[in-house]
Each structure stands twice: as C-alpha cells, then as structure tokens.
C-alpha cells in the first residue's frame, strides 16, 4: 500500500504526518481523508491551483501531468519542477511519496468552518 509522508506545515500539520493510502486515490483526497485540510477551492475538479503541492520524493511515480494541470500550475505560488495539483495527482503503485504543501496559496478568500 502506498505511503505518504507530509512534511510539516505551520497551519495544516505543524508536526507533519505519515499515512497509508489506497492506490488510485488523488493526493488531495488522501490528505483530506487523513485530516489534512488542504485548500481545494474549485471542489477538486482541476479548475484552480489552491491545492498546489510539491512532491519531494516519488514525483515520477504519479500519473503524468495533463495540459490543463500544467496551465493551472503557472498560477501557483512557489512553483517548482516537482509541483502538482493535489486534486489531479493520482497515487499509483506501492511506494513512499514525500509531499510538501507550500506556505502560501492563491486563494484570496478562505472560508473556515
């Protein structure tokens, strides 16, 4: 079963987290299912870049980037070569992924519940 190691983030997970996920789940769903409240303003349909993440290990083990995802990543804060949209990055195989949520997002209006 794939394992995700989330690096510490001051707001979402100050100590970081490690958890197992099912294959074929998106990184966004995996994070949300494990109590990491990553932003996803468009409802996980790949229409914004608020769920921008950086895959520090295992980038090549995810599904390939689509054209739409590449275009949207251009709007993301702190874009890096290993950047993905968590709602579009699908976990494949059984390996460990190391993921970092950038400090900022382009989401200008954040709702809290």
C-alpha atoms as a PDB file:
ATOM      1  CA  UNK A   1       0.000   0.000   0.000  1.00  0.00           C
ATOM      2  CA  UNK A   2       1.393   3.459  -0.877  1.00  0.00           C
ATOM      3  CA  UNK A   3       2.607   5.659   1.959  1.00  0.00           C
ATOM      4  CA  UNK A   4       2.548   9.447   2.070  1.00  0.00           C
ATOM      5  CA  UNK A   5       4.862  11.445   4.280  1.00  0.00           C
ATOM      6  CA  UNK A   6       3.680  15.047   4.639  1.00  0.00           C
ATOM      7  CA  UNK A   7       6.388  17.495   5.621  1.00  0.00           C
ATOM      8  CA  UNK A   8       5.480  19.915   8.437  1.00  0.00           C
ATOM      9  CA  UNK A   9       3.270  22.868   7.505  1.00  0.00           C
ATOM     10  CA  UNK A  10       2.632  25.605  10.097  1.00  0.00           C
ATOM     11  CA  UNK A  11      -1.133  25.696   9.544  1.00  0.00           C
ATOM     12  CA  UNK A  12      -2.236  22.298   8.228  1.00  0.00           C
ATOM     13  CA  UNK A  13       0.109  19.912  10.050  1.00  0.00           C
ATOM     14  CA  UNK A  14       2.772  21.509  12.271  1.00  0.00           C
ATOM     15  CA  UNK A  15       4.395  18.148  13.059  1.00  0.00           C
ATOM     16  CA  UNK A  16       3.934  16.630   9.627  1.00  0.00           C
ATOM     17  CA  UNK A  17       2.185  13.296   9.110  1.00  0.00           C
ATOM     18  CA  UNK A  18       2.689   9.837   7.656  1.00  0.00           C
ATOM     19  CA  UNK A  19      -0.151   7.610   6.484  1.00  0.00           C
ATOM     20  CA  UNK A  20      -1.043   4.859   4.022  1.00  0.00           C
ATOM     21  CA  UNK A  21      -3.466   5.427   1.171  1.00  0.00           C
ATOM     22  CA  UNK A  22      -5.174   3.321  -1.424  1.00  0.00           C
ATOM     23  CA  UNK A  23      -3.814   3.173  -4.936  1.00  0.00           C
ATOM     24  CA  UNK A  24      -5.723   5.317  -7.463  1.00  0.00           C
ATOM     25  CA  UNK A  25      -6.692   7.967  -4.913  1.00  0.00           C
ATOM     26  CA  UNK A  26      -5.714  11.560  -5.594  1.00  0.00           C
ATOM     27  CA  UNK A  27      -3.254  13.221  -3.260  1.00  0.00           C
ATOM     28  CA  UNK A  28      -5.951  15.762  -2.358  1.00  0.00           C
ATOM     29  CA  UNK A  29      -8.385  13.031  -1.275  1.00  0.00           C
ATOM     30  CA  UNK A  30      -5.614  11.197   0.583  1.00  0.00           C
ATOM     31  CA  UNK A  31      -4.697  14.348   2.521  1.00  0.00           C
ATOM     32  CA  UNK A  32      -8.324  15.234   3.299  1.00  0.00           C
ATOM     33  CA  UNK A  33      -9.146  11.643   4.333  1.00  0.00           C
ATOM     34  CA  UNK A  34      -6.279  11.790   6.816  1.00  0.00           C
ATOM     35  CA  UNK A  35      -7.272  15.045   8.467  1.00  0.00           C
ATOM     36  CA  UNK A  36      -5.061  17.422   6.469  1.00  0.00           C
ATOM     37  CA  UNK A  37      -7.401  20.289   5.426  1.00  0.00           C
ATOM     38  CA  UNK A  38      -5.639  21.251   2.184  1.00  0.00           C
ATOM     39  CA  UNK A  39      -7.385  24.013   0.257  1.00  0.00           C
ATOM     40  CA  UNK A  40      -9.357  22.978  -2.831  1.00  0.00           C
ATOM     41  CA  UNK A  41     -11.452  25.987  -3.820  1.00  0.00           C
ATOM     42  CA  UNK A  42     -12.723  24.502  -7.091  1.00  0.00           C
ATOM     43  CA  UNK A  43     -14.070  21.371  -5.435  1.00  0.00           C
ATOM     44  CA  UNK A  44     -11.248  19.145  -6.726  1.00  0.00           C
ATOM     45  CA  UNK A  45     -12.100  19.497 -10.412  1.00  0.00           C
ATOM     46  CA  UNK A  46      -8.774  20.931 -11.568  1.00  0.00           C
ATOM     47  CA  UNK A  47     -10.010  24.479 -12.162  1.00  0.00           C
ATOM     48  CA  UNK A  48      -7.763  26.420  -9.766  1.00  0.00           C
ATOM     49  CA  UNK A  49      -4.380  25.976  -8.128  1.00  0.00           C
ATOM     50  CA  UNK A  50      -5.243  26.203  -4.424  1.00  0.00           C
ATOM     51  CA  UNK A  51      -4.294  22.540  -3.834  1.00  0.00           C
ATOM     52  CA  UNK A  52      -0.771  23.092  -5.177  1.00  0.00           C
ATOM     53  CA  UNK A  53       1.761  20.750  -3.580  1.00  0.00           C
ATOM     54  CA  UNK A  54       5.415  19.921  -4.169  1.00  0.00           C
ATOM     55  CA  UNK A  55       6.309  16.230  -4.407  1.00  0.00           C
ATOM     56  CA  UNK A  56       9.769  15.971  -2.837  1.00  0.00           C
ATOM     57  CA  UNK A  57      10.040  12.212  -3.404  1.00  0.00           C
ATOM     58  CA  UNK A  58       8.114   9.951  -5.765  1.00  0.00           C
ATOM     59  CA  UNK A  59       7.131  12.572  -8.367  1.00  0.00           C
ATOM     60  CA  UNK A  60       7.814  10.105 -11.184  1.00  0.00           C
ATOM     61  CA  UNK A  61       5.507   7.530  -9.531  1.00  0.00           C
ATOM     62  CA  UNK A  62       2.389   9.657 -10.076  1.00  0.00           C
ATOM     63  CA  UNK A  63       0.241   9.829 -13.189  1.00  0.00           C
ATOM     64  CA  UNK A  64       1.590  12.206 -15.870  1.00  0.00           C
ATOM     65  CA  UNK A  65       0.606  15.882 -15.829  1.00  0.00           C
ATOM     66  CA  UNK A  66      -2.165  16.841 -18.221  1.00  0.00           C
ATOM     67  CA  UNK A  67      -2.178  20.024 -20.288  1.00  0.00           C
ATOM     68  CA  UNK A  68      -4.845  21.646 -18.097  1.00  0.00           C
ATOM     69  CA  UNK A  69      -2.872  20.922 -14.927  1.00  0.00           C
ATOM     70  CA  UNK A  70       0.294  22.373 -16.461  1.00  0.00           C
ATOM     71  CA  UNK A  71      -1.580  25.559 -17.407  1.00  0.00           C
ATOM     72  CA  UNK A  72      -3.073  25.961 -13.925  1.00  0.00           C
ATOM     73  CA  UNK A  73       0.249  25.347 -12.202  1.00  0.00           C
ATOM     74  CA  UNK A  74       1.543  28.506 -13.879  1.00  0.00           C
ATOM     75  CA  UNK A  75      -0.738  30.415 -11.461  1.00  0.00           C
ATOM     76  CA  UNK A  76       0.524  28.634  -8.328  1.00  0.00           C
ATOM     77  CA  UNK A  77       2.606  30.421  -5.714  1.00  0.00           C
ATOM     78  CA  UNK A  78       6.116  28.967  -5.342  1.00  0.00           C
ATOM     79  CA  UNK A  79       6.029  26.809  -8.463  1.00  0.00           C
ATOM     80  CA  UNK A  80       8.827  24.203  -8.615  1.00  0.00           C
ATOM     81  CA  UNK A  81       9.730  21.470 -11.133  1.00  0.00           C
ATOM     82  CA  UNK A  82       8.069  18.860  -8.857  1.00  0.00           C
ATOM     83  CA  UNK A  83       4.848  20.857  -8.394  1.00  0.00           C
ATOM     84  CA  UNK A  84       1.477  19.181  -8.873  1.00  0.00           C
ATOM     85  CA  UNK A  85      -2.152  19.941  -8.203  1.00  0.00           C
ATOM     86  CA  UNK A  86      -3.122  17.530  -5.433  1.00  0.00           C
ATOM     87  CA  UNK A  87      -6.563  17.017  -6.988  1.00  0.00           C
ATOM     88  CA  UNK A  88      -5.009  15.821 -10.258  1.00  0.00           C
ATOM     89  CA  UNK A  89      -2.061  13.769  -8.912  1.00  0.00           C
ATOM     90  CA  UNK A  90      -3.076  10.117  -8.668  1.00  0.00           C
ATOM     91  CA  UNK A  91      -1.219   7.683  -6.428  1.00  0.00           C
ATOM     92  CA  UNK A  92      -0.020   4.620  -8.349  1.00  0.00           C
ATOM     93  CA  UNK A  93       1.894   1.548  -7.191  1.00  0.00           C
ATOM     94  CA  UNK A  94       3.156   0.917  -3.670  1.00  0.00           C
ATOM     95  CA  UNK A  95       5.891   3.361  -2.849  1.00  0.00           C
ATOM     96  CA  UNK A  96       6.529   6.266  -0.500  1.00  0.00           C
ATOM     97  CA  UNK A  97       5.729   9.814  -1.512  1.00  0.00           C
ATOM     98  CA  UNK A  98       7.115  12.809   0.340  1.00  0.00           C
ATOM     99  CA  UNK A  99       4.831  15.817  -0.090  1.00  0.00           C
ATOM    100  CA  UNK A 100       5.110  19.450   0.937  1.00  0.00           C
ATOM    101  CA  UNK A 101       2.254  21.947   0.981  1.00  0.00           C
ATOM    102  CA  UNK A 102       3.631  25.402   0.115  1.00  0.00           C
ATOM    103  CA  UNK A 103       3.321  28.123   2.724  1.00  0.00           C
ATOM    104  CA  UNK A 104       1.004  30.242   0.552  1.00  0.00           C
ATOM    105  CA  UNK A 105      -1.796  29.703  -1.933  1.00  0.00           C
ATOM    106  CA  UNK A 106      -3.505  31.998  -4.432  1.00  0.00           C
ATOM    107  CA  UNK A 107      -6.806  31.621  -2.590  1.00  0.00           C
ATOM    108  CA  UNK A 108      -7.735  35.184  -1.672  1.00  0.00           C
ATOM    109  CA  UNK A 109     -10.880  34.327   0.310  1.00  0.00           C
ATOM    110  CA  UNK A 110     -10.572  31.460   2.732  1.00  0.00           C
ATOM    111  CA  UNK A 111     -13.647  30.107   4.456  1.00  0.00           C
ATOM    112  CA  UNK A 112     -13.375  28.395   7.820  1.00  0.00           C
ATOM    113  CA  UNK A 113     -15.938  26.120   9.328  1.00  0.00           C
END
